[in-house]
PDB file of all heavy atoms in Angstrom:
ATOM      1  N   SER A   1      17.082 -19.323   0.873  1.00  0.00           N
ATOM      2  CA  SER A   1      16.930 -17.868   0.608  1.00  0.00           C
ATOM      3  C   SER A   1      15.574 -17.309   0.851  1.00  0.00           C
ATOM      4  O   SER A   1      15.435 -16.106   0.842  1.00  0.00           O
ATOM      5  CB  SER A   1      17.364 -17.557  -0.852  1.00  0.00           C
ATOM      6  OG  SER A   1      16.475 -18.195  -1.765  1.00  0.00           O
ATOM      7  N   ILE A   2      14.612 -18.205   1.137  1.00  0.00           N
ATOM      8  CA  ILE A   2      13.246 -17.732   1.305  1.00  0.00           C
ATOM      9  C   ILE A   2      13.129 -16.803   2.567  1.00  0.00           C
ATOM     10  O   ILE A   2      12.416 -15.833   2.549  1.00  0.00           O
ATOM     11  CB  ILE A   2      12.242 -18.850   1.366  1.00  0.00           C
ATOM     12  CG1 ILE A   2      10.742 -18.385   1.295  1.00  0.00           C
ATOM     13  CG2 ILE A   2      12.397 -19.728   2.649  1.00  0.00           C
ATOM     14  CD1 ILE A   2      10.295 -18.082  -0.020  1.00  0.00           C
ATOM     15  N   LYS A   3      13.918 -17.192   3.606  1.00  0.00           N
ATOM     16  CA  LYS A   3      13.887 -16.241   4.820  1.00  0.00           C
ATOM     17  C   LYS A   3      14.365 -14.963   4.536  1.00  0.00           C
ATOM     18  O   LYS A   3      13.738 -13.923   4.953  1.00  0.00           O
ATOM     19  CB  LYS A   3      14.633 -17.028   5.917  1.00  0.00           C
ATOM     20  CG  LYS A   3      14.642 -16.246   7.267  1.00  0.00           C
ATOM     21  CD  LYS A   3      15.468 -16.996   8.308  1.00  0.00           C
ATOM     22  CE  LYS A   3      15.509 -16.170   9.525  1.00  0.00           C
ATOM     23  NZ  LYS A   3      16.333 -16.804  10.572  1.00  0.00           N
ATOM     24  N   HIS A   4      15.458 -14.908   3.787  1.00  0.00           N
ATOM     25  CA  HIS A   4      16.045 -13.576   3.424  1.00  0.00           C
ATOM     26  C   HIS A   4      14.986 -12.741   2.570  1.00  0.00           C
ATOM     27  O   HIS A   4      14.852 -11.506   2.816  1.00  0.00           O
ATOM     28  CB  HIS A   4      17.366 -13.721   2.695  1.00  0.00           C
ATOM     29  CG  HIS A   4      17.861 -12.490   2.167  1.00  0.00           C
ATOM     30  ND1 HIS A   4      17.632 -12.111   0.861  1.00  0.00           N
ATOM     31  CD2 HIS A   4      18.631 -11.540   2.674  1.00  0.00           C
ATOM     32  CE1 HIS A   4      18.234 -10.960   0.616  1.00  0.00           C
ATOM     33  NE2 HIS A   4      18.841 -10.646   1.667  1.00  0.00           N
ATOM     34  N   ASP A   5      14.345 -13.410   1.686  1.00  0.00           N
ATOM     35  CA  ASP A   5      13.460 -12.705   0.832  1.00  0.00           C
ATOM     36  C   ASP A   5      12.213 -12.213   1.566  1.00  0.00           C
ATOM     37  O   ASP A   5      11.665 -11.063   1.266  1.00  0.00           O
ATOM     38  CB  ASP A   5      12.991 -13.653  -0.384  1.00  0.00           C
ATOM     39  CG  ASP A   5      14.056 -14.013  -1.353  1.00  0.00           C
ATOM     40  OD1 ASP A   5      15.178 -13.275  -1.301  1.00  0.00           O
ATOM     41  OD2 ASP A   5      13.936 -14.946  -2.183  1.00  0.00           O
ATOM     42  N   VAL A   6      11.725 -13.061   2.460  1.00  0.00           N
ATOM     43  CA  VAL A   6      10.593 -12.621   3.259  1.00  0.00           C
ATOM     44  C   VAL A   6      10.863 -11.371   4.130  1.00  0.00           C
ATOM     45  O   VAL A   6      10.147 -10.384   4.119  1.00  0.00           O
ATOM     46  CB  VAL A   6      10.115 -13.774   4.202  1.00  0.00           C
ATOM     47  CG1 VAL A   6       9.052 -13.225   5.254  1.00  0.00           C
ATOM     48  CG2 VAL A   6       9.512 -14.853   3.376  1.00  0.00           C
ATOM     49  N   ILE A   7      12.052 -11.432   4.716  1.00  0.00           N
ATOM     50  CA  ILE A   7      12.529 -10.267   5.596  1.00  0.00           C
ATOM     51  C   ILE A   7      12.691  -8.957   4.756  1.00  0.00           C
ATOM     52  O   ILE A   7      12.191  -7.949   5.097  1.00  0.00           O
ATOM     53  CB  ILE A   7      13.802 -10.625   6.312  1.00  0.00           C
ATOM     54  CG1 ILE A   7      13.516 -11.669   7.346  1.00  0.00           C
ATOM     55  CG2 ILE A   7      14.400  -9.378   6.938  1.00  0.00           C
ATOM     56  CD1 ILE A   7      14.865 -12.279   8.011  1.00  0.00           C
ATOM     57  N   LEU A   8      13.265  -9.151   3.593  1.00  0.00           N
ATOM     58  CA  LEU A   8      13.466  -7.885   2.701  1.00  0.00           C
ATOM     59  C   LEU A   8      12.192  -7.379   2.196  1.00  0.00           C
ATOM     60  O   LEU A   8      11.971  -6.198   2.144  1.00  0.00           O
ATOM     61  CB  LEU A   8      14.434  -8.357   1.632  1.00  0.00           C
ATOM     62  CG  LEU A   8      14.877  -7.133   0.723  1.00  0.00           C
ATOM     63  CD1 LEU A   8      15.834  -6.227   1.567  1.00  0.00           C
ATOM     64  CD2 LEU A   8      15.761  -7.656  -0.450  1.00  0.00           C
ATOM     65  N   THR A   9      11.239  -8.281   1.827  1.00  0.00           N
ATOM     66  CA  THR A   9      10.013  -7.868   1.283  1.00  0.00           C
ATOM     67  C   THR A   9       9.109  -7.213   2.286  1.00  0.00           C
ATOM     68  O   THR A   9       8.497  -6.169   2.119  1.00  0.00           O
ATOM     69  CB  THR A   9       9.206  -9.030   0.691  1.00  0.00           C
ATOM     70  OG1 THR A   9      10.014  -9.677  -0.293  1.00  0.00           O
ATOM     71  CG2 THR A   9       7.902  -8.583   0.037  1.00  0.00           C
ATOM     72  N   ILE A  10       9.141  -7.732   3.560  1.00  0.00           N
ATOM     73  CA  ILE A  10       8.344  -7.135   4.628  1.00  0.00           C
ATOM     74  C   ILE A  10       8.946  -5.745   5.044  1.00  0.00           C
ATOM     75  O   ILE A  10       8.278  -4.775   5.283  1.00  0.00           O
ATOM     76  CB  ILE A  10       8.291  -8.016   5.887  1.00  0.00           C
ATOM     77  CG1 ILE A  10       7.461  -9.270   5.565  1.00  0.00           C
ATOM     78  CG2 ILE A  10       7.823  -7.260   7.116  1.00  0.00           C
ATOM     79  CD1 ILE A  10       7.422 -10.288   6.658  1.00  0.00           C
ATOM     80  N   ARG A  11      10.243  -5.669   5.003  1.00  0.00           N
ATOM     81  CA  ARG A  11      10.955  -4.372   5.309  1.00  0.00           C
ATOM     82  C   ARG A  11      10.550  -3.351   4.185  1.00  0.00           C
ATOM     83  O   ARG A  11      10.229  -2.203   4.548  1.00  0.00           O
ATOM     84  CB  ARG A  11      12.448  -4.580   5.316  1.00  0.00           C
ATOM     85  CG  ARG A  11      13.208  -3.321   5.716  1.00  0.00           C
ATOM     86  CD  ARG A  11      14.719  -3.514   5.554  1.00  0.00           C
ATOM     87  NE  ARG A  11      15.162  -4.641   6.306  1.00  0.00           N
ATOM     88  CZ  ARG A  11      16.290  -5.283   6.073  1.00  0.00           C
ATOM     89  NH1 ARG A  11      17.111  -4.867   5.177  1.00  0.00           N
ATOM     90  NH2 ARG A  11      16.636  -6.334   6.786  1.00  0.00           N
ATOM     91  N   THR A  12      10.473  -3.769   3.008  1.00  0.00           N
ATOM     92  CA  THR A  12      10.101  -2.782   1.903  1.00  0.00           C
ATOM     93  C   THR A  12       8.695  -2.362   2.062  1.00  0.00           C
ATOM     94  O   THR A  12       8.372  -1.254   1.919  1.00  0.00           O
ATOM     95  CB  THR A  12      10.286  -3.489   0.506  1.00  0.00           C
ATOM     96  OG1 THR A  12      11.681  -3.962   0.403  1.00  0.00           O
ATOM     97  CG2 THR A  12      10.020  -2.510  -0.624  1.00  0.00           C
ATOM     98  N   ILE A  13       7.800  -3.282   2.497  1.00  0.00           N
ATOM     99  CA  ILE A  13       6.390  -2.960   2.634  1.00  0.00           C
ATOM    100  C   ILE A  13       6.256  -1.994   3.812  1.00  0.00           C
ATOM    101  O   ILE A  13       5.521  -0.932   3.694  1.00  0.00           O
ATOM    102  CB  ILE A  13       5.526  -4.174   2.877  1.00  0.00           C
ATOM    103  CG1 ILE A  13       5.409  -5.065   1.694  1.00  0.00           C
ATOM    104  CG2 ILE A  13       4.134  -3.833   3.404  1.00  0.00           C
ATOM    105  CD1 ILE A  13       4.791  -6.431   1.852  1.00  0.00           C
ATOM    106  N   LEU A  14       7.024  -2.174   4.919  1.00  0.00           N
ATOM    107  CA  LEU A  14       6.968  -1.246   6.067  1.00  0.00           C
ATOM    108  C   LEU A  14       7.449   0.154   5.724  1.00  0.00           C
ATOM    109  O   LEU A  14       6.928   1.148   6.197  1.00  0.00           O
ATOM    110  CB  LEU A  14       7.803  -1.815   7.217  1.00  0.00           C
ATOM    111  CG  LEU A  14       7.179  -3.131   7.862  1.00  0.00           C
ATOM    112  CD1 LEU A  14       8.055  -3.649   8.890  1.00  0.00           C
ATOM    113  CD2 LEU A  14       5.781  -2.834   8.445  1.00  0.00           C
ATOM    114  N   ILE A  15       8.487   0.217   4.833  1.00  0.00           N
ATOM    115  CA  ILE A  15       9.030   1.464   4.342  1.00  0.00           C
ATOM    116  C   ILE A  15       7.939   2.218   3.564  1.00  0.00           C
ATOM    117  O   ILE A  15       7.749   3.475   3.687  1.00  0.00           O
ATOM    118  CB  ILE A  15      10.326   1.377   3.624  1.00  0.00           C
ATOM    119  CG1 ILE A  15      11.435   0.889   4.596  1.00  0.00           C
ATOM    120  CG2 ILE A  15      10.664   2.641   2.930  1.00  0.00           C
ATOM    121  CD1 ILE A  15      12.731   0.471   3.881  1.00  0.00           C
ATOM    122  N   ALA A  16       7.225   1.469   2.733  1.00  0.00           N
ATOM    123  CA  ALA A  16       6.223   2.095   1.787  1.00  0.00           C
ATOM    124  C   ALA A  16       4.898   2.422   2.515  1.00  0.00           C
ATOM    125  O   ALA A  16       4.208   3.367   2.064  1.00  0.00           O
ATOM    126  CB  ALA A  16       6.041   1.121   0.703  1.00  0.00           C
ATOM    127  N   THR A  17       4.657   1.797   3.632  1.00  0.00           N
ATOM    128  CA  THR A  17       3.345   2.023   4.342  1.00  0.00           C
ATOM    129  C   THR A  17       3.061   3.524   4.691  1.00  0.00           C
ATOM    130  O   THR A  17       1.888   3.928   4.394  1.00  0.00           O
ATOM    131  CB  THR A  17       3.250   1.128   5.561  1.00  0.00           C
ATOM    132  OG1 THR A  17       3.353  -0.177   5.181  1.00  0.00           O
ATOM    133  CG2 THR A  17       1.859   1.304   6.311  1.00  0.00           C
ATOM    134  N   PRO A  18       3.949   4.230   5.213  1.00  0.00           N
ATOM    135  CA  PRO A  18       3.671   5.622   5.504  1.00  0.00           C
ATOM    136  C   PRO A  18       3.214   6.409   4.319  1.00  0.00           C
ATOM    137  O   PRO A  18       2.313   7.297   4.398  1.00  0.00           O
ATOM    138  CB  PRO A  18       4.944   6.232   6.151  1.00  0.00           C
ATOM    139  CG  PRO A  18       5.679   4.989   6.650  1.00  0.00           C
ATOM    140  CD  PRO A  18       5.302   3.889   5.791  1.00  0.00           C
ATOM    141  N   PHE A  19       3.839   6.193   3.179  1.00  0.00           N
ATOM    142  CA  PHE A  19       3.522   6.932   1.948  1.00  0.00           C
ATOM    143  C   PHE A  19       2.066   6.572   1.523  1.00  0.00           C
ATOM    144  O   PHE A  19       1.307   7.457   1.091  1.00  0.00           O
ATOM    145  CB  PHE A  19       4.550   6.632   0.843  1.00  0.00           C
ATOM    146  CG  PHE A  19       5.937   7.091   1.106  1.00  0.00           C
ATOM    147  CD1 PHE A  19       6.869   6.138   1.520  1.00  0.00           C
ATOM    148  CD2 PHE A  19       6.259   8.410   1.110  1.00  0.00           C
ATOM    149  CE1 PHE A  19       8.067   6.471   1.854  1.00  0.00           C
ATOM    150  CE2 PHE A  19       7.510   8.828   1.454  1.00  0.00           C
ATOM    151  CZ  PHE A  19       8.461   7.926   1.860  1.00  0.00           C
ATOM    152  N   PHE A  20       1.641   5.256   1.626  1.00  0.00           N
ATOM    153  CA  PHE A  20       0.316   4.918   1.348  1.00  0.00           C
ATOM    154  C   PHE A  20      -0.668   5.549   2.230  1.00  0.00           C
ATOM    155  O   PHE A  20      -1.738   5.995   1.765  1.00  0.00           O
ATOM    156  CB  PHE A  20       0.166   3.385   1.339  1.00  0.00           C
ATOM    157  CG  PHE A  20       0.806   2.716   0.187  1.00  0.00           C
ATOM    158  CD1 PHE A  20       1.843   1.730   0.360  1.00  0.00           C
ATOM    159  CD2 PHE A  20       0.361   2.937  -1.047  1.00  0.00           C
ATOM    160  CE1 PHE A  20       2.413   1.113  -0.676  1.00  0.00           C
ATOM    161  CE2 PHE A  20       0.971   2.312  -2.136  1.00  0.00           C
ATOM    162  CZ  PHE A  20       1.991   1.367  -1.942  1.00  0.00           C
ATOM    163  N   LEU A  21      -0.363   5.626   3.516  1.00  0.00           N
ATOM    164  CA  LEU A  21      -1.270   6.267   4.482  1.00  0.00           C
ATOM    165  C   LEU A  21      -1.440   7.748   4.158  1.00  0.00           C
ATOM    166  O   LEU A  21      -2.539   8.290   4.225  1.00  0.00           O
ATOM    167  CB  LEU A  21      -0.697   6.141   5.872  1.00  0.00           C
ATOM    168  CG  LEU A  21      -0.790   4.665   6.445  1.00  0.00           C
ATOM    169  CD1 LEU A  21      -0.076   4.595   7.825  1.00  0.00           C
ATOM    170  CD2 LEU A  21      -2.250   4.222   6.514  1.00  0.00           C
ATOM    171  N   ILE A  22      -0.312   8.454   3.807  1.00  0.00           N
ATOM    172  CA  ILE A  22      -0.401   9.822   3.427  1.00  0.00           C
ATOM    173  C   ILE A  22      -1.230  10.053   2.209  1.00  0.00           C
ATOM    174  O   ILE A  22      -2.130  10.939   2.140  1.00  0.00           O
ATOM    175  CB  ILE A  22       0.984  10.466   3.203  1.00  0.00           C
ATOM    176  CG1 ILE A  22       1.725  10.515   4.541  1.00  0.00           C
ATOM    177  CG2 ILE A  22       0.959  11.811   2.544  1.00  0.00           C
ATOM    178  CD1 ILE A  22       3.217  10.828   4.452  1.00  0.00           C
ATOM    179  N   LEU A  23      -1.126   9.204   1.190  1.00  0.00           N
ATOM    180  CA  LEU A  23      -1.906   9.298   0.061  1.00  0.00           C
ATOM    181  C   LEU A  23      -3.398   8.977   0.273  1.00  0.00           C
ATOM    182  O   LEU A  23      -4.328   9.712  -0.201  1.00  0.00           O
ATOM    183  CB  LEU A  23      -1.466   8.307  -1.046  1.00  0.00           C
ATOM    184  CG  LEU A  23      -0.185   8.673  -1.771  1.00  0.00           C
ATOM    185  CD1 LEU A  23       0.249   7.524  -2.674  1.00  0.00           C
ATOM    186  CD2 LEU A  23      -0.364   9.962  -2.631  1.00  0.00           C
ATOM    187  N   PHE A  24      -3.606   8.004   1.185  1.00  0.00           N
ATOM    188  CA  PHE A  24      -4.958   7.764   1.561  1.00  0.00           C
ATOM    189  C   PHE A  24      -5.741   8.921   2.248  1.00  0.00           C
ATOM    190  O   PHE A  24      -6.898   9.170   2.026  1.00  0.00           O
ATOM    191  CB  PHE A  24      -5.032   6.497   2.374  1.00  0.00           C
ATOM    192  CG  PHE A  24      -6.419   6.094   2.905  1.00  0.00           C
ATOM    193  CD1 PHE A  24      -7.274   5.406   2.019  1.00  0.00           C
ATOM    194  CD2 PHE A  24      -6.852   6.298   4.136  1.00  0.00           C
ATOM    195  CE1 PHE A  24      -8.573   5.080   2.458  1.00  0.00           C
ATOM    196  CE2 PHE A  24      -8.109   6.032   4.614  1.00  0.00           C
ATOM    197  CZ  PHE A  24      -8.987   5.393   3.664  1.00  0.00           C
ATOM    198  N   ILE A  25      -4.957   9.599   3.109  1.00  0.00           N
ATOM    199  CA  ILE A  25      -5.608  10.628   3.883  1.00  0.00           C
ATOM    200  C   ILE A  25      -5.710  11.975   3.076  1.00  0.00           C
ATOM    201  O   ILE A  25      -6.760  12.579   3.103  1.00  0.00           O
ATOM    202  CB  ILE A  25      -4.705  10.933   5.155  1.00  0.00           C
ATOM    203  CG1 ILE A  25      -4.777   9.715   6.130  1.00  0.00           C
ATOM    204  CG2 ILE A  25      -5.163  12.232   5.884  1.00  0.00           C
ATOM    205  CD1 ILE A  25      -3.807   9.835   7.275  1.00  0.00           C
ATOM    206  N   PHE A  26      -4.759  12.276   2.298  1.00  0.00           N
ATOM    207  CA  PHE A  26      -4.760  13.587   1.580  1.00  0.00           C
ATOM    208  C   PHE A  26      -5.192  13.621   0.107  1.00  0.00           C
ATOM    209  O   PHE A  26      -5.504  14.642  -0.457  1.00  0.00           O
ATOM    210  CB  PHE A  26      -3.390  14.198   1.707  1.00  0.00           C
ATOM    211  CG  PHE A  26      -2.985  14.580   3.121  1.00  0.00           C
ATOM    212  CD1 PHE A  26      -2.001  13.782   3.764  1.00  0.00           C
ATOM    213  CD2 PHE A  26      -3.651  15.581   3.808  1.00  0.00           C
ATOM    214  CE1 PHE A  26      -1.606  14.134   5.019  1.00  0.00           C
ATOM    215  CE2 PHE A  26      -3.312  15.854   5.092  1.00  0.00           C
ATOM    216  CZ  PHE A  26      -2.326  15.063   5.753  1.00  0.00           C
ATOM    217  N   PHE A  27      -5.209  12.419  -0.516  1.00  0.00           N
ATOM    218  CA  PHE A  27      -5.621  12.378  -1.872  1.00  0.00           C
ATOM    219  C   PHE A  27      -7.091  12.462  -2.044  1.00  0.00           C
ATOM    220  O   PHE A  27      -7.872  11.883  -1.246  1.00  0.00           O
ATOM    221  CB  PHE A  27      -5.217  11.016  -2.534  1.00  0.00           C
ATOM    222  CG  PHE A  27      -5.182  11.039  -4.022  1.00  0.00           C
ATOM    223  CD1 PHE A  27      -4.102  11.647  -4.677  1.00  0.00           C
ATOM    224  CD2 PHE A  27      -6.236  10.550  -4.801  1.00  0.00           C
ATOM    225  CE1 PHE A  27      -4.029  11.718  -6.125  1.00  0.00           C
ATOM    226  CE2 PHE A  27      -6.140  10.587  -6.196  1.00  0.00           C
ATOM    227  CZ  PHE A  27      -5.118  11.189  -6.806  1.00  0.00           C
ATOM    228  N   PRO A  28      -7.637  13.346  -2.980  1.00  0.00           N
ATOM    229  CA  PRO A  28      -9.076  13.516  -3.011  1.00  0.00           C
ATOM    230  C   PRO A  28      -9.768  12.241  -3.450  1.00  0.00           C
ATOM    231  O   PRO A  28      -9.261  11.471  -4.181  1.00  0.00           O
ATOM    232  CB  PRO A  28      -9.254  14.721  -4.119  1.00  0.00           C
ATOM    233  CG  PRO A  28      -7.982  14.558  -4.864  1.00  0.00           C
ATOM    234  CD  PRO A  28      -6.879  14.161  -3.934  1.00  0.00           C
ATOM    235  N   ARG A  29     -11.043  12.102  -2.851  1.00  0.00           N
ATOM    236  CA  ARG A  29     -11.807  10.892  -3.137  1.00  0.00           C
ATOM    237  C   ARG A  29     -12.770  11.158  -4.264  1.00  0.00           C
ATOM    238  O   ARG A  29     -13.507  12.113  -4.236  1.00  0.00           O
ATOM    239  CB  ARG A  29     -12.604  10.430  -1.895  1.00  0.00           C
ATOM    240  CG  ARG A  29     -11.526  10.134  -0.780  1.00  0.00           C
ATOM    241  CD  ARG A  29     -12.024   9.234   0.219  1.00  0.00           C
ATOM    242  NE  ARG A  29     -11.145   8.783   1.173  1.00  0.00           N
ATOM    243  CZ  ARG A  29     -10.249   9.423   1.943  1.00  0.00           C
ATOM    244  NH1 ARG A  29      -9.864  10.655   1.623  1.00  0.00           N
ATOM    245  NH2 ARG A  29      -9.621   8.818   2.870  1.00  0.00           N
ATOM    246  N   PHE A  30     -12.774  10.321  -5.370  1.00  0.00           N
ATOM    247  CA  PHE A  30     -13.597  10.334  -6.398  1.00  0.00           C
ATOM    248  C   PHE A  30     -14.662   9.321  -6.340  1.00  0.00           C
ATOM    249  O   PHE A  30     -14.465   8.224  -5.732  1.00  0.00           O
ATOM    250  CB  PHE A  30     -12.841  10.256  -7.777  1.00  0.00           C
ATOM    251  CG  PHE A  30     -11.783  11.292  -7.950  1.00  0.00           C
ATOM    252  CD1 PHE A  30     -10.485  10.960  -7.755  1.00  0.00           C
ATOM    253  CD2 PHE A  30     -12.102  12.617  -8.255  1.00  0.00           C
ATOM    254  CE1 PHE A  30      -9.386  11.891  -7.938  1.00  0.00           C
ATOM    255  CE2 PHE A  30     -11.183  13.534  -8.417  1.00  0.00           C
ATOM    256  CZ  PHE A  30      -9.817  13.194  -8.235  1.00  0.00           C
ATOM    257  N   PRO A  31     -15.868   9.527  -6.903  1.00  0.00           N
ATOM    258  CA  PRO A  31     -16.852   8.491  -6.909  1.00  0.00           C
ATOM    259  C   PRO A  31     -16.360   7.271  -7.773  1.00  0.00           C
ATOM    260  O   PRO A  31     -15.521   7.474  -8.652  1.00  0.00           O
ATOM    261  CB  PRO A  31     -18.092   9.095  -7.610  1.00  0.00           C
ATOM    262  CG  PRO A  31     -17.532  10.281  -8.334  1.00  0.00           C
ATOM    263  CD  PRO A  31     -16.274  10.731  -7.600  1.00  0.00           C
ATOM    264  N   PRO A  32     -16.828   6.065  -7.466  1.00  0.00           N
ATOM    265  CA  PRO A  32     -16.341   4.830  -8.181  1.00  0.00           C
ATOM    266  C   PRO A  32     -16.664   4.930  -9.668  1.00  0.00           C
ATOM    267  O   PRO A  32     -17.743   5.442 -10.072  1.00  0.00           O
ATOM    268  CB  PRO A  32     -17.044   3.717  -7.482  1.00  0.00           C
ATOM    269  CG  PRO A  32     -18.226   4.338  -6.804  1.00  0.00           C
ATOM    270  CD  PRO A  32     -17.851   5.733  -6.436  1.00  0.00           C
ATOM    271  N   LEU A  33     -15.849   4.430 -10.487  1.00  0.00           N
ATOM    272  CA  LEU A  33     -16.026   4.434 -11.894  1.00  0.00           C
ATOM    273  C   LEU A  33     -17.014   3.322 -12.272  1.00  0.00           C
ATOM    274  O   LEU A  33     -17.685   3.362 -13.340  1.00  0.00           O
ATOM    275  CB  LEU A  33     -14.745   4.198 -12.637  1.00  0.00           C
ATOM    276  CG  LEU A  33     -13.670   5.257 -12.496  1.00  0.00           C
ATOM    277  CD1 LEU A  33     -12.347   4.872 -13.110  1.00  0.00           C
ATOM    278  CD2 LEU A  33     -14.074   6.639 -12.977  1.00  0.00           C
ATOM    279  N   TRP A  34     -17.169   2.319 -11.433  1.00  0.00           N
ATOM    280  CA  TRP A  34     -18.152   1.238 -11.668  1.00  0.00           C
ATOM    281  C   TRP A  34     -18.448   0.672 -10.248  1.00  0.00           C
ATOM    282  O   TRP A  34     -17.863   1.007  -9.240  1.00  0.00           O
ATOM    283  CB  TRP A  34     -17.563   0.157 -12.545  1.00  0.00           C
ATOM    284  CG  TRP A  34     -16.463  -0.633 -11.844  1.00  0.00           C
ATOM    285  CD1 TRP A  34     -16.587  -1.682 -11.049  1.00  0.00           C
ATOM    286  CD2 TRP A  34     -15.071  -0.342 -11.963  1.00  0.00           C
ATOM    287  NE1 TRP A  34     -15.298  -2.066 -10.642  1.00  0.00           N
ATOM    288  CE2 TRP A  34     -14.378  -1.235 -11.140  1.00  0.00           C
ATOM    289  CE3 TRP A  34     -14.259   0.741 -12.614  1.00  0.00           C
ATOM    290  CZ2 TRP A  34     -13.000  -1.231 -11.011  1.00  0.00           C
ATOM    291  CZ3 TRP A  34     -12.934   0.692 -12.450  1.00  0.00           C
ATOM    292  CH2 TRP A  34     -12.279  -0.290 -11.665  1.00  0.00           C
ATOM    293  N   HIS A  35     -19.517  -0.098 -10.174  1.00  0.00           N
ATOM    294  CA  HIS A  35     -19.863  -0.735  -8.899  1.00  0.00           C
ATOM    295  C   HIS A  35     -19.973  -2.170  -9.154  1.00  0.00           C
ATOM    296  O   HIS A  35     -20.239  -2.733 -10.221  1.00  0.00           O
ATOM    297  CB  HIS A  35     -21.130  -0.133  -8.330  1.00  0.00           C
ATOM    298  CG  HIS A  35     -22.472  -0.754  -8.927  1.00  0.00           C
ATOM    299  ND1 HIS A  35     -22.942  -0.326 -10.161  1.00  0.00           N
ATOM    300  CD2 HIS A  35     -23.260  -1.730  -8.510  1.00  0.00           C
ATOM    301  CE1 HIS A  35     -24.039  -1.018 -10.397  1.00  0.00           C
ATOM    302  NE2 HIS A  35     -24.246  -1.899  -9.413  1.00  0.00           N
ATOM    303  N   VAL A  36     -19.674  -2.940  -8.063  1.00  0.00           N
ATOM    304  CA  VAL A  36     -19.681  -4.392  -8.133  1.00  0.00           C
ATOM    305  C   VAL A  36     -21.156  -4.922  -7.892  1.00  0.00           C
ATOM    306  O   VAL A  36     -21.734  -4.512  -6.861  1.00  0.00           O
ATOM    307  CB  VAL A  36     -18.753  -4.969  -7.079  1.00  0.00           C
ATOM    308  CG1 VAL A  36     -18.833  -6.567  -7.063  1.00  0.00           C
ATOM    309  CG2 VAL A  36     -17.330  -4.555  -7.354  1.00  0.00           C
ATOM    310  N   PRO A  37     -21.730  -5.708  -8.804  1.00  0.00           N
ATOM    311  CA  PRO A  37     -23.113  -6.148  -8.532  1.00  0.00           C
ATOM    312  C   PRO A  37     -23.136  -7.192  -7.357  1.00  0.00           C
ATOM    313  O   PRO A  37     -22.508  -8.270  -7.459  1.00  0.00           O
ATOM    314  CB  PRO A  37     -23.528  -6.763  -9.886  1.00  0.00           C
ATOM    315  CG  PRO A  37     -22.233  -7.159 -10.457  1.00  0.00           C
ATOM    316  CD  PRO A  37     -21.202  -6.169  -9.994  1.00  0.00           C
TER     317      PRO A  37
END
């Protein structure tokens, strides 16, 4: 079943990718709440 799970998971990621890109482009950018030393 691992092959089926990999295909389904990759398909779900590909479907979600355009929404992440839209949020990345249009969501306002805030300064970081903390910085990594």
